[in-house]
């Protein structure tokens, strides 16, 4: 079975069996030298490949993350790992709840590394901390008053 590892999976130090993949953005998050680098080098020596997902898969993940409201919580590395798992029909190894939520929406298999994992799928919206206005999309600052937005669960 193929697996796509996110940064938390690599840093966990666990030994994984099967065909292993990660992405260029995930690899960039691990700086050369030190313990983290040695963990990645070890996985590479065991056959882990660094593969870039297609633009189409990345776009699908971004659209889905916007739909679920998780887009503001996902880094470029998270989006790439999700896109590669989607494209390869692989199991995503991650402890990131936002990634698991998007994976669930896209029917991507996922496994937690250390954490328990999500119990149900959520949809999120955004609320301004200052004026209280709700938004379906994430903005860096509230377009009404300039306050900060926070993610809240959509009922």
C-alpha atoms as a PDB file:
ATOM      1  CA  UNK A   1       0.000   0.000   0.000  1.00  0.00           C
ATOM      2  CA  UNK A   2       1.389   3.452  -0.855  1.00  0.00           C
ATOM      3  CA  UNK A   3       1.679   6.098   1.871  1.00  0.00           C
ATOM      4  CA  UNK A   4       2.175   9.853   1.642  1.00  0.00           C
ATOM      5  CA  UNK A   5       3.982  11.288   4.665  1.00  0.00           C
ATOM      6  CA  UNK A   6       3.477  14.812   5.901  1.00  0.00           C
ATOM      7  CA  UNK A   7       6.062  16.574   8.052  1.00  0.00           C
ATOM      8  CA  UNK A   8       4.663  15.221  11.330  1.00  0.00           C
ATOM      9  CA  UNK A   9       4.927  11.647  10.027  1.00  0.00           C
ATOM     10  CA  UNK A  10       8.575  12.125   9.098  1.00  0.00           C
ATOM     11  CA  UNK A  11       9.396  13.805  12.416  1.00  0.00           C
ATOM     12  CA  UNK A  12       7.635  11.068  14.409  1.00  0.00           C
ATOM     13  CA  UNK A  13      10.639   8.780  13.977  1.00  0.00           C
ATOM     14  CA  UNK A  14       8.365   5.819  13.266  1.00  0.00           C
ATOM     15  CA  UNK A  15       9.437   3.202  10.785  1.00  0.00           C
ATOM     16  CA  UNK A  16       6.867   2.775   8.027  1.00  0.00           C
ATOM     17  CA  UNK A  17       6.590  -0.144   5.640  1.00  0.00           C
ATOM     18  CA  UNK A  18       5.239  -0.051   2.113  1.00  0.00           C
ATOM     19  CA  UNK A  19       5.840   2.391  -0.714  1.00  0.00           C
ATOM     20  CA  UNK A  20       6.555   5.816   0.808  1.00  0.00           C
ATOM     21  CA  UNK A  21       6.172   9.255  -0.759  1.00  0.00           C
ATOM     22  CA  UNK A  22       6.425  12.854   0.323  1.00  0.00           C
ATOM     23  CA  UNK A  23       6.431  16.163  -1.549  1.00  0.00           C
ATOM     24  CA  UNK A  24       8.967  18.898  -2.297  1.00  0.00           C
ATOM     25  CA  UNK A  25       7.177  21.341   0.050  1.00  0.00           C
ATOM     26  CA  UNK A  26       7.291  18.831   2.913  1.00  0.00           C
ATOM     27  CA  UNK A  27      10.989  18.215   2.242  1.00  0.00           C
ATOM     28  CA  UNK A  28      11.603  21.999   2.363  1.00  0.00           C
ATOM     29  CA  UNK A  29      10.167  22.130   5.882  1.00  0.00           C
ATOM     30  CA  UNK A  30      12.965  19.885   7.134  1.00  0.00           C
ATOM     31  CA  UNK A  31      16.201  21.842   7.312  1.00  0.00           C
ATOM     32  CA  UNK A  32      19.534  20.143   6.531  1.00  0.00           C
ATOM     33  CA  UNK A  33      21.473  18.884   9.523  1.00  0.00           C
ATOM     34  CA  UNK A  34      20.225  17.753  12.891  1.00  0.00           C
ATOM     35  CA  UNK A  35      17.900  15.006  14.036  1.00  0.00           C
ATOM     36  CA  UNK A  36      14.968  15.882  11.740  1.00  0.00           C
ATOM     37  CA  UNK A  37      17.193  15.772   8.675  1.00  0.00           C
ATOM     38  CA  UNK A  38      18.571  12.377   9.719  1.00  0.00           C
ATOM     39  CA  UNK A  39      15.026  11.012  10.073  1.00  0.00           C
ATOM     40  CA  UNK A  40      14.201  12.113   6.539  1.00  0.00           C
ATOM     41  CA  UNK A  41      17.490  10.767   5.188  1.00  0.00           C
ATOM     42  CA  UNK A  42      16.719   7.429   6.832  1.00  0.00           C
ATOM     43  CA  UNK A  43      13.295   7.264   5.143  1.00  0.00           C
ATOM     44  CA  UNK A  44      14.888   8.237   1.821  1.00  0.00           C
ATOM     45  CA  UNK A  45      17.397   5.387   2.240  1.00  0.00           C
ATOM     46  CA  UNK A  46      14.425   3.042   2.711  1.00  0.00           C
ATOM     47  CA  UNK A  47      12.988   4.141  -0.646  1.00  0.00           C
ATOM     48  CA  UNK A  48      10.800   7.153   0.164  1.00  0.00           C
ATOM     49  CA  UNK A  49      10.402   9.250  -2.996  1.00  0.00           C
ATOM     50  CA  UNK A  50       9.830  12.982  -3.268  1.00  0.00           C
ATOM     51  CA  UNK A  51       7.089  13.542  -5.854  1.00  0.00           C
ATOM     52  CA  UNK A  52       5.338  16.754  -6.869  1.00  0.00           C
ATOM     53  CA  UNK A  53       1.562  16.433  -7.343  1.00  0.00           C
ATOM     54  CA  UNK A  54      -0.131  17.740 -10.466  1.00  0.00           C
ATOM     55  CA  UNK A  55      -1.564  21.253 -10.575  1.00  0.00           C
ATOM     56  CA  UNK A  56      -4.998  19.692 -11.118  1.00  0.00           C
ATOM     57  CA  UNK A  57      -4.748  17.693  -7.880  1.00  0.00           C
ATOM     58  CA  UNK A  58      -3.512  20.777  -5.980  1.00  0.00           C
ATOM     59  CA  UNK A  59      -6.439  22.821  -7.340  1.00  0.00           C
ATOM     60  CA  UNK A  60      -8.901  20.090  -6.292  1.00  0.00           C
ATOM     61  CA  UNK A  61      -7.498  20.111  -2.746  1.00  0.00           C
ATOM     62  CA  UNK A  62      -7.620  23.916  -2.544  1.00  0.00           C
ATOM     63  CA  UNK A  63     -11.253  24.016  -3.719  1.00  0.00           C
ATOM     64  CA  UNK A  64     -12.206  21.347  -1.209  1.00  0.00           C
ATOM     65  CA  UNK A  65     -10.344  23.122   1.623  1.00  0.00           C
ATOM     66  CA  UNK A  66     -12.223  26.322   0.777  1.00  0.00           C
ATOM     67  CA  UNK A  67     -15.495  24.349   0.878  1.00  0.00           C
ATOM     68  CA  UNK A  68     -14.722  22.850   4.313  1.00  0.00           C
ATOM     69  CA  UNK A  69     -13.266  26.120   5.639  1.00  0.00           C
ATOM     70  CA  UNK A  70      -9.857  24.555   6.344  1.00  0.00           C
ATOM     71  CA  UNK A  71      -7.911  26.549   3.736  1.00  0.00           C
ATOM     72  CA  UNK A  72      -6.580  29.100   6.257  1.00  0.00           C
ATOM     73  CA  UNK A  73      -5.144  26.289   8.402  1.00  0.00           C
ATOM     74  CA  UNK A  74      -3.265  24.505   5.608  1.00  0.00           C
ATOM     75  CA  UNK A  75       0.316  25.290   4.619  1.00  0.00           C
ATOM     76  CA  UNK A  76       1.612  24.776   1.071  1.00  0.00           C
ATOM     77  CA  UNK A  77       3.231  21.539   2.338  1.00  0.00           C
ATOM     78  CA  UNK A  78      -0.127  20.340   3.705  1.00  0.00           C
ATOM     79  CA  UNK A  79      -1.875  21.078   0.411  1.00  0.00           C
ATOM     80  CA  UNK A  80       0.826  19.278  -1.590  1.00  0.00           C
ATOM     81  CA  UNK A  81       0.719  16.196   0.654  1.00  0.00           C
ATOM     82  CA  UNK A  82      -3.074  16.033   0.368  1.00  0.00           C
ATOM     83  CA  UNK A  83      -2.880  16.478  -3.413  1.00  0.00           C
ATOM     84  CA  UNK A  84      -0.299  13.709  -3.778  1.00  0.00           C
ATOM     85  CA  UNK A  85      -2.346  11.296  -1.647  1.00  0.00           C
ATOM     86  CA  UNK A  86      -5.394  12.182  -3.756  1.00  0.00           C
ATOM     87  CA  UNK A  87      -3.517  11.689  -7.009  1.00  0.00           C
ATOM     88  CA  UNK A  88      -1.801   8.425  -6.029  1.00  0.00           C
ATOM     89  CA  UNK A  89      -4.852   7.031  -4.238  1.00  0.00           C
ATOM     90  CA  UNK A  90      -2.498   6.617  -1.283  1.00  0.00           C
ATOM     91  CA  UNK A  91      -3.030   6.695   2.463  1.00  0.00           C
ATOM     92  CA  UNK A  92      -2.039  10.004   4.029  1.00  0.00           C
ATOM     93  CA  UNK A  93      -0.045   9.774   7.263  1.00  0.00           C
ATOM     94  CA  UNK A  94      -0.706  12.899   9.347  1.00  0.00           C
ATOM     95  CA  UNK A  95      -1.730  14.123  12.775  1.00  0.00           C
ATOM     96  CA  UNK A  96      -3.009  17.428  11.377  1.00  0.00           C
ATOM     97  CA  UNK A  97      -6.775  17.677  11.996  1.00  0.00           C
ATOM     98  CA  UNK A  98      -7.380  20.147   9.157  1.00  0.00           C
ATOM     99  CA  UNK A  99      -5.615  17.808   6.745  1.00  0.00           C
ATOM    100  CA  UNK A 100      -7.680  14.883   8.030  1.00  0.00           C
ATOM    101  CA  UNK A 101     -10.883  16.900   7.610  1.00  0.00           C
ATOM    102  CA  UNK A 102     -10.076  17.727   3.975  1.00  0.00           C
ATOM    103  CA  UNK A 103      -8.928  14.143   3.356  1.00  0.00           C
ATOM    104  CA  UNK A 104     -12.244  12.858   4.668  1.00  0.00           C
ATOM    105  CA  UNK A 105     -14.141  15.220   2.338  1.00  0.00           C
ATOM    106  CA  UNK A 106     -12.064  13.962  -0.635  1.00  0.00           C
ATOM    107  CA  UNK A 107     -12.377  10.294   0.406  1.00  0.00           C
ATOM    108  CA  UNK A 108      -8.612  10.048   0.923  1.00  0.00           C
ATOM    109  CA  UNK A 109      -7.631   7.346   3.385  1.00  0.00           C
ATOM    110  CA  UNK A 110      -5.589   8.707   6.288  1.00  0.00           C
ATOM    111  CA  UNK A 111      -3.964   7.408   9.437  1.00  0.00           C
ATOM    112  CA  UNK A 112      -2.889   9.301  12.518  1.00  0.00           C
ATOM    113  CA  UNK A 113       0.667   8.930  13.743  1.00  0.00           C
ATOM    114  CA  UNK A 114       0.469   9.794  17.445  1.00  0.00           C
ATOM    115  CA  UNK A 115      -2.816  11.653  17.951  1.00  0.00           C
ATOM    116  CA  UNK A 116      -6.203   9.951  17.945  1.00  0.00           C
ATOM    117  CA  UNK A 117      -7.458  11.623  14.749  1.00  0.00           C
ATOM    118  CA  UNK A 118     -10.738  13.310  13.905  1.00  0.00           C
ATOM    119  CA  UNK A 119     -14.002  11.693  14.903  1.00  0.00           C
ATOM    120  CA  UNK A 120     -16.243  13.563  12.468  1.00  0.00           C
ATOM    121  CA  UNK A 121     -16.010  15.881   9.497  1.00  0.00           C
ATOM    122  CA  UNK A 122     -16.493  19.622  10.112  1.00  0.00           C
ATOM    123  CA  UNK A 123     -17.288  22.617   7.961  1.00  0.00           C
ATOM    124  CA  UNK A 124     -15.930  25.969   9.082  1.00  0.00           C
ATOM    125  CA  UNK A 125     -16.791  29.618   8.587  1.00  0.00           C
ATOM    126  CA  UNK A 126     -14.975  32.722   9.806  1.00  0.00           C
ATOM    127  CA  UNK A 127     -16.073  35.327  12.346  1.00  0.00           C
ATOM    128  CA  UNK A 128     -14.515  38.697  13.016  1.00  0.00           C
ATOM    129  CA  UNK A 129     -13.307  38.985  16.616  1.00  0.00           C
ATOM    130  CA  UNK A 130     -14.046  42.728  16.589  1.00  0.00           C
ATOM    131  CA  UNK A 131     -17.372  43.328  14.821  1.00  0.00           C
ATOM    132  CA  UNK A 132     -18.774  39.779  14.937  1.00  0.00           C
ATOM    133  CA  UNK A 133     -19.543  39.592  11.182  1.00  0.00           C
ATOM    134  CA  UNK A 134     -19.473  36.075   9.668  1.00  0.00           C
ATOM    135  CA  UNK A 135     -17.753  35.191   6.369  1.00  0.00           C
ATOM    136  CA  UNK A 136     -17.735  32.041   4.280  1.00  0.00           C
ATOM    137  CA  UNK A 137     -14.232  32.861   3.003  1.00  0.00           C
ATOM    138  CA  UNK A 138     -11.074  33.574   4.964  1.00  0.00           C
ATOM    139  CA  UNK A 139      -9.627  37.078   4.836  1.00  0.00           C
ATOM    140  CA  UNK A 140      -6.381  38.216   6.466  1.00  0.00           C
ATOM    141  CA  UNK A 141      -8.347  41.078   8.040  1.00  0.00           C
ATOM    142  CA  UNK A 142     -12.059  41.771   8.290  1.00  0.00           C
ATOM    143  CA  UNK A 143     -13.221  43.693   5.200  1.00  0.00           C
ATOM    144  CA  UNK A 144     -15.789  45.497   7.380  1.00  0.00           C
ATOM    145  CA  UNK A 145     -13.733  46.727  10.342  1.00  0.00           C
ATOM    146  CA  UNK A 146     -10.151  45.524   9.891  1.00  0.00           C
ATOM    147  CA  UNK A 147     -10.270  43.121  12.851  1.00  0.00           C
ATOM    148  CA  UNK A 148      -8.856  39.584  12.968  1.00  0.00           C
ATOM    149  CA  UNK A 149     -10.943  36.642  11.810  1.00  0.00           C
ATOM    150  CA  UNK A 150     -11.185  33.369  13.655  1.00  0.00           C
ATOM    151  CA  UNK A 151     -12.415  30.026  12.399  1.00  0.00           C
ATOM    152  CA  UNK A 152     -15.689  28.786  13.924  1.00  0.00           C
ATOM    153  CA  UNK A 153     -17.613  25.596  13.322  1.00  0.00           C
ATOM    154  CA  UNK A 154     -20.510  25.905  10.908  1.00  0.00           C
ATOM    155  CA  UNK A 155     -23.719  24.411  12.340  1.00  0.00           C
END
